[in-house]
Amino acid sequence: MATILNNRAGGGRRNAFAKRISSHLAAALVVFCLLQIFIVAKMGGSLLLHLGVIIAIGGFAVAARGLERHWQSIEQSGLPHRALALRFRRDVLQLWAASLIGALLWIPVAIIYRALFG
């Protein structure tokens, strides 16, 4: 029964992990953008800080596309499902940690910017 459920959940399809990582990437990018915009707006961000947000979002998008391509090539490598699942969990954890921590890094940047430039 577990095998049947696992196959229906996407474990038997060839690109299940690549599609799942794409969904996580899209959600993490949205959270990353919203957190950055909210933090910079609450800190009274200037035009320079908003330009920094645009650059950070662009960098995140480029890195996300690289991770997506990486997962497309990993699935073609023929690794067993358990190895793919372990790598997937690790990458998802790192992705969400980077998304949340990366957005929160604007707090000290905005404080320093405000201290230096008023």
PDB file of N, CA and C in Angstrom:
ATOM      1  N   MET A   1       0.817  -1.195   0.000  1.00  0.00           N
ATOM      2  CA  MET A   1       0.000   0.000   0.000  1.00  0.00           C
ATOM      3  C   MET A   1       0.856   1.252   0.000  1.00  0.00           C
ATOM      4  N   ALA A   2       1.963   1.237   0.770  1.00  0.00           N
ATOM      5  CA  ALA A   2       2.837   2.415   0.829  1.00  0.00           C
ATOM      6  C   ALA A   2       3.459   2.700  -0.530  1.00  0.00           C
ATOM      7  N   THR A   3       3.775   1.648  -1.276  1.00  0.00           N
ATOM      8  CA  THR A   3       4.357   1.850  -2.600  1.00  0.00           C
ATOM      9  C   THR A   3       3.357   2.496  -3.536  1.00  0.00           C
ATOM     10  N   ILE A   4       2.121   2.099  -3.446  1.00  0.00           N
ATOM     11  CA  ILE A   4       1.092   2.681  -4.296  1.00  0.00           C
ATOM     12  C   ILE A   4       0.914   4.157  -3.960  1.00  0.00           C
ATOM     13  N   LEU A   5       0.840   4.475  -2.679  1.00  0.00           N
ATOM     14  CA  LEU A   5       0.679   5.872  -2.265  1.00  0.00           C
ATOM     15  C   LEU A   5       1.891   6.702  -2.641  1.00  0.00           C
ATOM     16  N   ASN A   6       3.078   6.131  -2.513  1.00  0.00           N
ATOM     17  CA  ASN A   6       4.293   6.849  -2.874  1.00  0.00           C
ATOM     18  C   ASN A   6       4.317   7.151  -4.369  1.00  0.00           C
ATOM     19  N   ASN A   7       3.880   6.208  -5.182  1.00  0.00           N
ATOM     20  CA  ASN A   7       3.837   6.440  -6.624  1.00  0.00           C
ATOM     21  C   ASN A   7       2.809   7.497  -6.983  1.00  0.00           C
ATOM     22  N   ARG A   8       1.681   7.489  -6.311  1.00  0.00           N
ATOM     23  CA  ARG A   8       0.664   8.509  -6.581  1.00  0.00           C
ATOM     24  C   ARG A   8       1.102   9.881  -6.112  1.00  0.00           C
ATOM     25  N   ALA A   9       1.897   9.930  -5.058  1.00  0.00           N
ATOM     26  CA  ALA A   9       2.362  11.210  -4.527  1.00  0.00           C
ATOM     27  C   ALA A   9       3.468  11.813  -5.371  1.00  0.00           C
ATOM     28  N   GLY A  10       3.924  11.110  -6.380  1.00  0.00           N
ATOM     29  CA  GLY A  10       4.938  11.677  -7.259  1.00  0.00           C
ATOM     30  C   GLY A  10       6.257  10.945  -7.182  1.00  0.00           C
ATOM     31  N   GLY A  11       6.385   9.948  -6.300  1.00  0.00           N
ATOM     32  CA  GLY A  11       7.643   9.244  -6.163  1.00  0.00           C
ATOM     33  C   GLY A  11       7.993   8.425  -7.385  1.00  0.00           C
ATOM     34  N   GLY A  12       7.022   7.999  -8.175  1.00  0.00           N
ATOM     35  CA  GLY A  12       7.289   7.176  -9.326  1.00  0.00           C
ATOM     36  C   GLY A  12       7.516   7.964 -10.600  1.00  0.00           C
ATOM     37  N   ARG A  13       7.132   9.208 -10.624  1.00  0.00           N
ATOM     38  CA  ARG A  13       7.329  10.016 -11.819  1.00  0.00           C
ATOM     39  C   ARG A  13       8.768  10.456 -11.920  1.00  0.00           C
ATOM     40  N   ARG A  14       9.227  10.676 -13.126  1.00  0.00           N
ATOM     41  CA  ARG A  14      10.631  10.964 -13.354  1.00  0.00           C
ATOM     42  C   ARG A  14      11.048  12.341 -12.850  1.00  0.00           C
ATOM     43  N   ASN A  15      10.253  13.366 -13.029  1.00  0.00           N
ATOM     44  CA  ASN A  15      10.643  14.719 -12.653  1.00  0.00           C
ATOM     45  C   ASN A  15       9.937  15.209 -11.395  1.00  0.00           C
ATOM     46  N   ALA A  16       9.609  14.315 -10.486  1.00  0.00           N
ATOM     47  CA  ALA A  16       8.858  14.713  -9.301  1.00  0.00           C
ATOM     48  C   ALA A  16       9.654  15.674  -8.427  1.00  0.00           C
ATOM     49  N   PHE A  17      10.926  15.402  -8.216  1.00  0.00           N
ATOM     50  CA  PHE A  17      11.717  16.270  -7.345  1.00  0.00           C
ATOM     51  C   PHE A  17      11.992  17.615  -8.008  1.00  0.00           C
ATOM     52  N   ALA A  18      12.231  17.636  -9.295  1.00  0.00           N
ATOM     53  CA  ALA A  18      12.482  18.901  -9.993  1.00  0.00           C
ATOM     54  C   ALA A  18      11.240  19.791  -9.955  1.00  0.00           C
ATOM     55  N   LYS A  19      10.072  19.184 -10.109  1.00  0.00           N
ATOM     56  CA  LYS A  19       8.838  19.974 -10.036  1.00  0.00           C
ATOM     57  C   LYS A  19       8.589  20.469  -8.623  1.00  0.00           C
ATOM     58  N   ARG A  20       8.870  19.632  -7.642  1.00  0.00           N
ATOM     59  CA  ARG A  20       8.671  20.046  -6.251  1.00  0.00           C
ATOM     60  C   ARG A  20       9.647  21.147  -5.855  1.00  0.00           C
ATOM     61  N   ILE A  21      10.905  21.060  -6.316  1.00  0.00           N
ATOM     62  CA  ILE A  21      11.865  22.107  -5.968  1.00  0.00           C
ATOM     63  C   ILE A  21      11.474  23.410  -6.648  1.00  0.00           C
ATOM     64  N   SER A  22      10.889  23.340  -7.838  1.00  0.00           N
ATOM     65  CA  SER A  22      10.419  24.550  -8.513  1.00  0.00           C
ATOM     66  C   SER A  22       9.309  25.229  -7.718  1.00  0.00           C
ATOM     67  N   SER A  23       8.420  24.442  -7.147  1.00  0.00           N
ATOM     68  CA  SER A  23       7.354  25.013  -6.321  1.00  0.00           C
ATOM     69  C   SER A  23       7.922  25.671  -5.069  1.00  0.00           C
ATOM     70  N   HIS A  24       8.881  25.011  -4.442  1.00  0.00           N
ATOM     71  CA  HIS A  24       9.518  25.606  -3.260  1.00  0.00           C
ATOM     72  C   HIS A  24      10.275  26.875  -3.636  1.00  0.00           C
ATOM     73  N   LEU A  25      10.944  26.869  -4.777  1.00  0.00           N
ATOM     74  CA  LEU A  25      11.681  28.053  -5.224  1.00  0.00           C
ATOM     75  C   LEU A  25      10.745  29.231  -5.457  1.00  0.00           C
ATOM     76  N   ALA A  26       9.621  28.976  -6.079  1.00  0.00           N
ATOM     77  CA  ALA A  26       8.664  30.056  -6.345  1.00  0.00           C
ATOM     78  C   ALA A  26       8.122  30.636  -5.039  1.00  0.00           C
ATOM     79  N   ALA A  27       7.755  29.772  -4.116  1.00  0.00           N
ATOM     80  CA  ALA A  27       7.222  30.249  -2.835  1.00  0.00           C
ATOM     81  C   ALA A  27       8.297  30.982  -2.037  1.00  0.00           C
ATOM     82  N   ALA A  28       9.520  30.458  -2.032  1.00  0.00           N
ATOM     83  CA  ALA A  28      10.610  31.104  -1.298  1.00  0.00           C
ATOM     84  C   ALA A  28      10.947  32.459  -1.905  1.00  0.00           C
ATOM     85  N   LEU A  29      10.875  32.575  -3.213  1.00  0.00           N
ATOM     86  CA  LEU A  29      11.140  33.858  -3.866  1.00  0.00           C
ATOM     87  C   LEU A  29      10.087  34.893  -3.488  1.00  0.00           C
ATOM     88  N   VAL A  30       8.835  34.478  -3.433  1.00  0.00           N
ATOM     89  CA  VAL A  30       7.762  35.398  -3.032  1.00  0.00           C
ATOM     90  C   VAL A  30       7.962  35.848  -1.585  1.00  0.00           C
ATOM     91  N   VAL A  31       8.258  34.906  -0.693  1.00  0.00           N
ATOM     92  CA  VAL A  31       8.482  35.246   0.713  1.00  0.00           C
ATOM     93  C   VAL A  31       9.693  36.163   0.850  1.00  0.00           C
ATOM     94  N   PHE A  32      10.762  35.852   0.137  1.00  0.00           N
ATOM     95  CA  PHE A  32      11.983  36.660   0.153  1.00  0.00           C
ATOM     96  C   PHE A  32      11.687  38.094  -0.291  1.00  0.00           C
ATOM     97  N   CYS A  33      10.957  38.237  -1.378  1.00  0.00           N
ATOM     98  CA  CYS A  33      10.616  39.576  -1.888  1.00  0.00           C
ATOM     99  C   CYS A  33       9.746  40.347  -0.908  1.00  0.00           C
ATOM    100  N   LEU A  34       8.704  39.712  -0.411  1.00  0.00           N
ATOM    101  CA  LEU A  34       7.785  40.401   0.501  1.00  0.00           C
ATOM    102  C   LEU A  34       8.467  40.813   1.800  1.00  0.00           C
ATOM    103  N   LEU A  35       9.293  39.927   2.345  1.00  0.00           N
ATOM    104  CA  LEU A  35      10.009  40.274   3.567  1.00  0.00           C
ATOM    105  C   LEU A  35      10.962  41.443   3.345  1.00  0.00           C
ATOM    106  N   GLN A  36      11.685  41.414   2.231  1.00  0.00           N
ATOM    107  CA  GLN A  36      12.619  42.502   1.952  1.00  0.00           C
ATOM    108  C   GLN A  36      11.890  43.829   1.795  1.00  0.00           C
ATOM    109  N   ILE A  37      10.847  43.819   1.033  1.00  0.00           N
ATOM    110  CA  ILE A  37      10.099  45.057   0.799  1.00  0.00           C
ATOM    111  C   ILE A  37       9.507  45.568   2.108  1.00  0.00           C
ATOM    112  N   PHE A  38       8.932  44.678   2.901  1.00  0.00           N
ATOM    113  CA  PHE A  38       8.343  45.069   4.173  1.00  0.00           C
ATOM    114  C   PHE A  38       9.392  45.641   5.123  1.00  0.00           C
ATOM    115  N   ILE A  39      10.534  44.972   5.242  1.00  0.00           N
ATOM    116  CA  ILE A  39      11.579  45.419   6.154  1.00  0.00           C
ATOM    117  C   ILE A  39      12.144  46.761   5.727  1.00  0.00           C
ATOM    118  N   VAL A  40      12.442  46.922   4.455  1.00  0.00           N
ATOM    119  CA  VAL A  40      13.010  48.184   3.968  1.00  0.00           C
ATOM    120  C   VAL A  40      11.986  49.310   4.105  1.00  0.00           C
ATOM    121  N   ALA A  41      10.719  49.039   3.843  1.00  0.00           N
ATOM    122  CA  ALA A  41       9.688  50.067   3.982  1.00  0.00           C
ATOM    123  C   ALA A  41       9.515  50.471   5.447  1.00  0.00           C
ATOM    124  N   LYS A  42       9.535  49.503   6.363  1.00  0.00           N
ATOM    125  CA  LYS A  42       9.382  49.806   7.788  1.00  0.00           C
ATOM    126  C   LYS A  42      10.584  50.560   8.346  1.00  0.00           C
ATOM    127  N   MET A  43      11.752  50.326   7.770  1.00  0.00           N
ATOM    128  CA  MET A  43      12.956  51.004   8.239  1.00  0.00           C
ATOM    129  C   MET A  43      13.118  52.379   7.602  1.00  0.00           C
ATOM    130  N   GLY A  44      12.152  52.796   6.822  1.00  0.00           N
ATOM    131  CA  GLY A  44      12.244  54.109   6.180  1.00  0.00           C
ATOM    132  C   GLY A  44      13.286  54.121   5.089  1.00  0.00           C
ATOM    133  N   GLY A  45      13.258  53.103   4.265  1.00  0.00           N
ATOM    134  CA  GLY A  45      14.275  52.929   3.248  1.00  0.00           C
ATOM    135  C   GLY A  45      14.286  54.020   2.192  1.00  0.00           C
ATOM    136  N   SER A  46      15.470  54.328   1.739  1.00  0.00           N
ATOM    137  CA  SER A  46      15.638  55.321   0.693  1.00  0.00           C
ATOM    138  C   SER A  46      15.664  54.633  -0.666  1.00  0.00           C
ATOM    139  N   LEU A  47      15.871  55.426  -1.682  1.00  0.00           N
ATOM    140  CA  LEU A  47      15.955  54.899  -3.036  1.00  0.00           C
ATOM    141  C   LEU A  47      17.121  53.923  -3.168  1.00  0.00           C
ATOM    142  N   LEU A  48      18.232  54.219  -2.505  1.00  0.00           N
ATOM    143  CA  LEU A  48      19.399  53.349  -2.567  1.00  0.00           C
ATOM    144  C   LEU A  48      19.091  51.967  -1.981  1.00  0.00           C
ATOM    145  N   LEU A  49      18.384  51.933  -0.860  1.00  0.00           N
ATOM    146  CA  LEU A  49      18.013  50.644  -0.265  1.00  0.00           C
ATOM    147  C   LEU A  49      17.027  49.886  -1.151  1.00  0.00           C
ATOM    148  N   HIS A  50      16.114  50.593  -1.786  1.00  0.00           N
ATOM    149  CA  HIS A  50      15.175  49.926  -2.688  1.00  0.00           C
ATOM    150  C   HIS A  50      15.894  49.369  -3.918  1.00  0.00           C
ATOM    151  N   LEU A  51      16.889  50.068  -4.412  1.00  0.00           N
ATOM    152  CA  LEU A  51      17.697  49.524  -5.510  1.00  0.00           C
ATOM    153  C   LEU A  51      18.454  48.278  -5.052  1.00  0.00           C
ATOM    154  N   GLY A  52      18.911  48.283  -3.803  1.00  0.00           N
ATOM    155  CA  GLY A  52      19.554  47.099  -3.246  1.00  0.00           C
ATOM    156  C   GLY A  52      18.608  45.917  -3.180  1.00  0.00           C
ATOM    157  N   VAL A  53      17.351  46.180  -2.862  1.00  0.00           N
ATOM    158  CA  VAL A  53      16.336  45.120  -2.824  1.00  0.00           C
ATOM    159  C   VAL A  53      16.157  44.525  -4.217  1.00  0.00           C
ATOM    160  N   ILE A  54      16.108  45.371  -5.226  1.00  0.00           N
ATOM    161  CA  ILE A  54      15.950  44.886  -6.604  1.00  0.00           C
ATOM    162  C   ILE A  54      17.130  44.012  -7.001  1.00  0.00           C
ATOM    163  N   ILE A  55      18.341  44.427  -6.643  1.00  0.00           N
ATOM    164  CA  ILE A  55      19.533  43.637  -6.962  1.00  0.00           C
ATOM    165  C   ILE A  55      19.516  42.309  -6.206  1.00  0.00           C
ATOM    166  N   ALA A  56      19.118  42.338  -4.932  1.00  0.00           N
ATOM    167  CA  ALA A  56      19.056  41.103  -4.144  1.00  0.00           C
ATOM    168  C   ALA A  56      18.026  40.128  -4.716  1.00  0.00           C
ATOM    169  N   ILE A  57      16.885  40.642  -5.131  1.00  0.00           N
ATOM    170  CA  ILE A  57      15.857  39.780  -5.716  1.00  0.00           C
ATOM    171  C   ILE A  57      16.347  39.179  -7.034  1.00  0.00           C
ATOM    172  N   GLY A  58      17.035  39.981  -7.831  1.00  0.00           N
ATOM    173  CA  GLY A  58      17.609  39.458  -9.074  1.00  0.00           C
ATOM    174  C   GLY A  58      18.639  38.378  -8.813  1.00  0.00           C
ATOM    175  N   GLY A  59      19.480  38.582  -7.810  1.00  0.00           N
ATOM    176  CA  GLY A  59      20.467  37.570  -7.448  1.00  0.00           C
ATOM    177  C   GLY A  59      19.820  36.290  -6.949  1.00  0.00           C
ATOM    178  N   PHE A  60      18.762  36.433  -6.169  1.00  0.00           N
ATOM    179  CA  PHE A  60      18.037  35.262  -5.680  1.00  0.00           C
ATOM    180  C   PHE A  60      17.419  34.502  -6.848  1.00  0.00           C
ATOM    181  N   ALA A  61      16.870  35.225  -7.811  1.00  0.00           N
ATOM    182  CA  ALA A  61      16.247  34.573  -8.965  1.00  0.00           C
ATOM    183  C   ALA A  61      17.277  33.809  -9.796  1.00  0.00           C
ATOM    184  N   VAL A  62      18.458  34.388  -9.970  1.00  0.00           N
ATOM    185  CA  VAL A  62      19.517  33.705 -10.722  1.00  0.00           C
ATOM    186  C   VAL A  62      19.960  32.441  -9.983  1.00  0.00           C
ATOM    187  N   ALA A  63      20.146  32.544  -8.663  1.00  0.00           N
ATOM    188  CA  ALA A  63      20.530  31.376  -7.868  1.00  0.00           C
ATOM    189  C   ALA A  63      19.434  30.320  -7.887  1.00  0.00           C
ATOM    190  N   ALA A  64      18.174  30.747  -7.868  1.00  0.00           N
ATOM    191  CA  ALA A  64      17.052  29.805  -7.907  1.00  0.00           C
ATOM    192  C   ALA A  64      17.039  29.040  -9.223  1.00  0.00           C
ATOM    193  N   ARG A  65      17.302  29.732 -10.304  1.00  0.00           N
ATOM    194  CA  ARG A  65      17.330  29.046 -11.604  1.00  0.00           C
ATOM    195  C   ARG A  65      18.474  28.044 -11.659  1.00  0.00           C
ATOM    196  N   GLY A  66      19.597  28.391 -11.046  1.00  0.00           N
ATOM    197  CA  GLY A  66      20.714  27.448 -10.979  1.00  0.00           C
ATOM    198  C   GLY A  66      20.358  26.202 -10.187  1.00  0.00           C
ATOM    199  N   LEU A  67      19.656  26.383  -9.068  1.00  0.00           N
ATOM    200  CA  LEU A  67      19.232  25.237  -8.266  1.00  0.00           C
ATOM    201  C   LEU A  67      18.218  24.389  -9.021  1.00  0.00           C
ATOM    202  N   GLU A  68      17.352  25.026  -9.779  1.00  0.00           N
ATOM    203  CA  GLU A  68      16.369  24.290 -10.577  1.00  0.00           C
ATOM    204  C   GLU A  68      17.062  23.440 -11.648  1.00  0.00           C
ATOM    205  N   ARG A  69      18.032  24.006 -12.326  1.00  0.00           N
ATOM    206  CA  ARG A  69      18.793  23.239 -13.327  1.00  0.00           C
ATOM    207  C   ARG A  69      19.568  22.107 -12.680  1.00  0.00           C
ATOM    208  N   HIS A  70      20.114  22.379 -11.504  1.00  0.00           N
ATOM    209  CA  HIS A  70      20.841  21.348 -10.763  1.00  0.00           C
ATOM    210  C   HIS A  70      19.934  20.152 -10.484  1.00  0.00           C
ATOM    211  N   TRP A  71      18.697  20.411 -10.083  1.00  0.00           N
ATOM    212  CA  TRP A  71      17.781  19.319  -9.782  1.00  0.00           C
ATOM    213  C   TRP A  71      17.331  18.600 -11.046  1.00  0.00           C
ATOM    214  N   GLN A  72      17.239  19.295 -12.134  1.00  0.00           N
ATOM    215  CA  GLN A  72      16.906  18.623 -13.385  1.00  0.00           C
ATOM    216  C   GLN A  72      18.020  17.658 -13.783  1.00  0.00           C
ATOM    217  N   SER A  73      19.269  18.053 -13.568  1.00  0.00           N
ATOM    218  CA  SER A  73      20.380  17.157 -13.907  1.00  0.00           C
ATOM    219  C   SER A  73      20.541  16.033 -12.887  1.00  0.00           C
ATOM    220  N   ILE A  74      20.262  16.305 -11.608  1.00  0.00           N
ATOM    221  CA  ILE A  74      20.358  15.250 -10.581  1.00  0.00           C
ATOM    222  C   ILE A  74      19.360  14.138 -10.866  1.00  0.00           C
ATOM    223  N   GLU A  75      18.151  14.502 -11.288  1.00  0.00           N
ATOM    224  CA  GLU A  75      17.151  13.466 -11.561  1.00  0.00           C
ATOM    225  C   GLU A  75      17.534  12.605 -12.755  1.00  0.00           C
ATOM    226  N   GLN A  76      18.284  13.155 -13.668  1.00  0.00           N
ATOM    227  CA  GLN A  76      18.720  12.384 -14.828  1.00  0.00           C
ATOM    228  C   GLN A  76      19.889  11.455 -14.489  1.00  0.00           C
ATOM    229  N   SER A  77      20.512  11.669 -13.320  1.00  0.00           N
ATOM    230  CA  SER A  77      21.704  10.895 -12.957  1.00  0.00           C
ATOM    231  C   SER A  77      21.387   9.455 -12.561  1.00  0.00           C
ATOM    232  N   GLY A  78      20.157   9.169 -12.240  1.00  0.00           N
ATOM    233  CA  GLY A  78      19.782   7.792 -11.906  1.00  0.00           C
ATOM    234  C   GLY A  78      20.048   7.410 -10.457  1.00  0.00           C
ATOM    235  N   LEU A  79      20.166   8.383  -9.570  1.00  0.00           N
ATOM    236  CA  LEU A  79      20.338   8.073  -8.157  1.00  0.00           C
ATOM    237  C   LEU A  79      19.079   7.401  -7.617  1.00  0.00           C
ATOM    238  N   PRO A  80      19.229   6.570  -6.595  1.00  0.00           N
ATOM    239  CA  PRO A  80      18.045   5.944  -5.996  1.00  0.00           C
ATOM    240  C   PRO A  80      17.134   6.981  -5.341  1.00  0.00           C
ATOM    241  N   HIS A  81      15.886   6.616  -5.167  1.00  0.00           N
ATOM    242  CA  HIS A  81      14.877   7.524  -4.618  1.00  0.00           C
ATOM    243  C   HIS A  81      15.268   8.029  -3.232  1.00  0.00           C
ATOM    244  N   ARG A  82      15.813   7.170  -2.395  1.00  0.00           N
ATOM    245  CA  ARG A  82      16.200   7.589  -1.044  1.00  0.00           C
ATOM    246  C   ARG A  82      17.282   8.665  -1.082  1.00  0.00           C
ATOM    247  N   ALA A  83      18.257   8.507  -1.949  1.00  0.00           N
ATOM    248  CA  ALA A  83      19.328   9.503  -2.058  1.00  0.00           C
ATOM    249  C   ALA A  83      18.765  10.831  -2.559  1.00  0.00           C
ATOM    250  N   LEU A  84      17.857  10.754  -3.531  1.00  0.00           N
ATOM    251  CA  LEU A  84      17.219  11.978  -4.031  1.00  0.00           C
ATOM    252  C   LEU A  84      16.382  12.648  -2.938  1.00  0.00           C
ATOM    253  N   ALA A  85      15.659  11.850  -2.171  1.00  0.00           N
ATOM    254  CA  ALA A  85      14.820  12.410  -1.109  1.00  0.00           C
ATOM    255  C   ALA A  85      15.663  13.097  -0.043  1.00  0.00           C
ATOM    256  N   LEU A  86      16.787  12.510   0.311  1.00  0.00           N
ATOM    257  CA  LEU A  86      17.679  13.108   1.301  1.00  0.00           C
ATOM    258  C   LEU A  86      18.249  14.428   0.793  1.00  0.00           C
ATOM    259  N   ARG A  87      18.715  14.439  -0.442  1.00  0.00           N
ATOM    260  CA  ARG A  87      19.242  15.677  -1.032  1.00  0.00           C
ATOM    261  C   ARG A  87      18.147  16.731  -1.168  1.00  0.00           C
ATOM    262  N   PHE A  88      16.958  16.289  -1.502  1.00  0.00           N
ATOM    263  CA  PHE A  88      15.843  17.223  -1.652  1.00  0.00           C
ATOM    264  C   PHE A  88      15.539  17.916  -0.325  1.00  0.00           C
ATOM    265  N   ARG A  89      15.442  17.131   0.745  1.00  0.00           N
ATOM    266  CA  ARG A  89      15.160  17.721   2.059  1.00  0.00           C
ATOM    267  C   ARG A  89      16.256  18.694   2.476  1.00  0.00           C
ATOM    268  N   ARG A  90      17.504  18.321   2.218  1.00  0.00           N
ATOM    269  CA  ARG A  90      18.616  19.207   2.549  1.00  0.00           C
ATOM    270  C   ARG A  90      18.543  20.511   1.769  1.00  0.00           C
ATOM    271  N   ASP A  91      18.289  20.418   0.469  1.00  0.00           N
ATOM    272  CA  ASP A  91      18.220  21.616  -0.365  1.00  0.00           C
ATOM    273  C   ASP A  91      17.025  22.499  -0.016  1.00  0.00           C
ATOM    274  N   VAL A  92      15.894  21.891   0.317  1.00  0.00           N
ATOM    275  CA  VAL A  92      14.718  22.681   0.706  1.00  0.00           C
ATOM    276  C   VAL A  92      14.983  23.410   2.016  1.00  0.00           C
ATOM    277  N   LEU A  93      15.608  22.740   2.963  1.00  0.00           N
ATOM    278  CA  LEU A  93      15.941  23.386   4.233  1.00  0.00           C
ATOM    279  C   LEU A  93      16.902  24.555   4.003  1.00  0.00           C
ATOM    280  N   GLN A  94      17.919  24.358   3.187  1.00  0.00           N
ATOM    281  CA  GLN A  94      18.870  25.431   2.887  1.00  0.00           C
ATOM    282  C   GLN A  94      18.195  26.572   2.127  1.00  0.00           C
ATOM    283  N   LEU A  95      17.305  26.236   1.225  1.00  0.00           N
ATOM    284  CA  LEU A  95      16.597  27.248   0.452  1.00  0.00           C
ATOM    285  C   LEU A  95      15.771  28.149   1.349  1.00  0.00           C
ATOM    286  N   TRP A  96      14.966  27.552   2.229  1.00  0.00           N
ATOM    287  CA  TRP A  96      14.121  28.351   3.106  1.00  0.00           C
ATOM    288  C   TRP A  96      14.938  29.126   4.135  1.00  0.00           C
ATOM    289  N   ALA A  97      16.015  28.539   4.618  1.00  0.00           N
ATOM    290  CA  ALA A  97      16.880  29.269   5.555  1.00  0.00           C
ATOM    291  C   ALA A  97      17.504  30.474   4.864  1.00  0.00           C
ATOM    292  N   ALA A  98      17.990  30.290   3.647  1.00  0.00           N
ATOM    293  CA  ALA A  98      18.580  31.409   2.905  1.00  0.00           C
ATOM    294  C   ALA A  98      17.538  32.471   2.591  1.00  0.00           C
ATOM    295  N   SER A  99      16.340  32.048   2.271  1.00  0.00           N
ATOM    296  CA  SER A  99      15.275  32.995   1.948  1.00  0.00           C
ATOM    297  C   SER A  99      14.913  33.858   3.149  1.00  0.00           C
ATOM    298  N   LEU A 100      14.757  33.239   4.295  1.00  0.00           N
ATOM    299  CA  LEU A 100      14.374  33.984   5.494  1.00  0.00           C
ATOM    300  C   LEU A 100      15.527  34.797   6.072  1.00  0.00           C
ATOM    301  N   ILE A 101      16.684  34.178   6.201  1.00  0.00           N
ATOM    302  CA  ILE A 101      17.835  34.881   6.768  1.00  0.00           C
ATOM    303  C   ILE A 101      18.317  35.975   5.822  1.00  0.00           C
ATOM    304  N   GLY A 102      18.303  35.698   4.526  1.00  0.00           N
ATOM    305  CA  GLY A 102      18.722  36.712   3.557  1.00  0.00           C
ATOM    306  C   GLY A 102      17.862  37.954   3.607  1.00  0.00           C
ATOM    307  N   ALA A 103      16.576  37.778   3.779  1.00  0.00           N
ATOM    308  CA  ALA A 103      15.685  38.932   3.867  1.00  0.00           C
ATOM    309  C   ALA A 103      15.903  39.690   5.172  1.00  0.00           C
ATOM    310  N   LEU A 104      16.167  38.970   6.254  1.00  0.00           N
ATOM    311  CA  LEU A 104      16.370  39.615   7.555  1.00  0.00           C
ATOM    312  C   LEU A 104      17.696  40.365   7.636  1.00  0.00           C
ATOM    313  N   LEU A 105      18.608  40.097   6.716  1.00  0.00           N
ATOM    314  CA  LEU A 105      19.887  40.817   6.714  1.00  0.00           C
ATOM    315  C   LEU A 105      19.714  42.299   6.386  1.00  0.00           C
ATOM    316  N   TRP A 106      18.537  42.673   5.865  1.00  0.00           N
ATOM    317  CA  TRP A 106      18.294  44.082   5.575  1.00  0.00           C
ATOM    318  C   TRP A 106      18.133  44.896   6.852  1.00  0.00           C
ATOM    319  N   ILE A 107      17.810  44.268   7.957  1.00  0.00           N
ATOM    320  CA  ILE A 107      17.625  45.018   9.203  1.00  0.00           C
ATOM    321  C   ILE A 107      18.923  45.700   9.633  1.00  0.00           C
ATOM    322  N   PRO A 108      20.042  44.970   9.780  1.00  0.00           N
ATOM    323  CA  PRO A 108      21.267  45.688  10.146  1.00  0.00           C
ATOM    324  C   PRO A 108      21.754  46.648   9.065  1.00  0.00           C
ATOM    325  N   VAL A 109      21.534  46.298   7.798  1.00  0.00           N
ATOM    326  CA  VAL A 109      21.929  47.201   6.715  1.00  0.00           C
ATOM    327  C   VAL A 109      21.155  48.507   6.815  1.00  0.00           C
ATOM    328  N   ALA A 110      19.857  48.436   7.058  1.00  0.00           N
ATOM    329  CA  ALA A 110      19.040  49.638   7.165  1.00  0.00           C
ATOM    330  C   ALA A 110      19.406  50.447   8.406  1.00  0.00           C
ATOM    331  N   ILE A 111      19.737  49.776   9.509  1.00  0.00           N
ATOM    332  CA  ILE A 111      20.147  50.492  10.715  1.00  0.00           C
ATOM    333  C   ILE A 111      21.462  51.225  10.490  1.00  0.00           C
ATOM    334  N   ILE A 112      22.416  50.565   9.874  1.00  0.00           N
ATOM    335  CA  ILE A 112      23.697  51.208   9.583  1.00  0.00           C
ATOM    336  C   ILE A 112      23.515  52.353   8.601  1.00  0.00           C
ATOM    337  N   TYR A 113      22.698  52.132   7.582  1.00  0.00           N
ATOM    338  CA  TYR A 113      22.441  53.182   6.597  1.00  0.00           C
ATOM    339  C   TYR A 113      21.814  54.407   7.271  1.00  0.00           C
ATOM    340  N   ARG A 114      20.851  54.154   8.143  1.00  0.00           N
ATOM    341  CA  ARG A 114      20.183  55.271   8.839  1.00  0.00           C
ATOM    342  C   ARG A 114      21.160  55.993   9.774  1.00  0.00           C
ATOM    343  N   ALA A 115      22.058  55.254  10.427  1.00  0.00           N
ATOM    344  CA  ALA A 115      23.033  55.869  11.332  1.00  0.00           C
ATOM    345  C   ALA A 115      24.035  56.738  10.563  1.00  0.00           C
ATOM    346  N   LEU A 116      24.424  56.268   9.382  1.00  0.00           N
ATOM    347  CA  LEU A 116      25.416  57.005   8.592  1.00  0.00           C
ATOM    348  C   LEU A 116      24.814  58.211   7.850  1.00  0.00           C
ATOM    349  N   PHE A 117      23.632  58.013   7.266  1.00  0.00           N
ATOM    350  CA  PHE A 117      23.075  59.029   6.384  1.00  0.00           C
ATOM    351  C   PHE A 117      21.813  59.688   6.927  1.00  0.00           C
ATOM    352  N   GLY A 118      21.410  59.336   8.109  1.00  0.00           N
ATOM    353  CA  GLY A 118      20.241  59.962   8.730  1.00  0.00           C
ATOM    354  C   GLY A 118      19.006  59.562   8.090  1.00  0.00           C
TER     355      GLY A 118
END
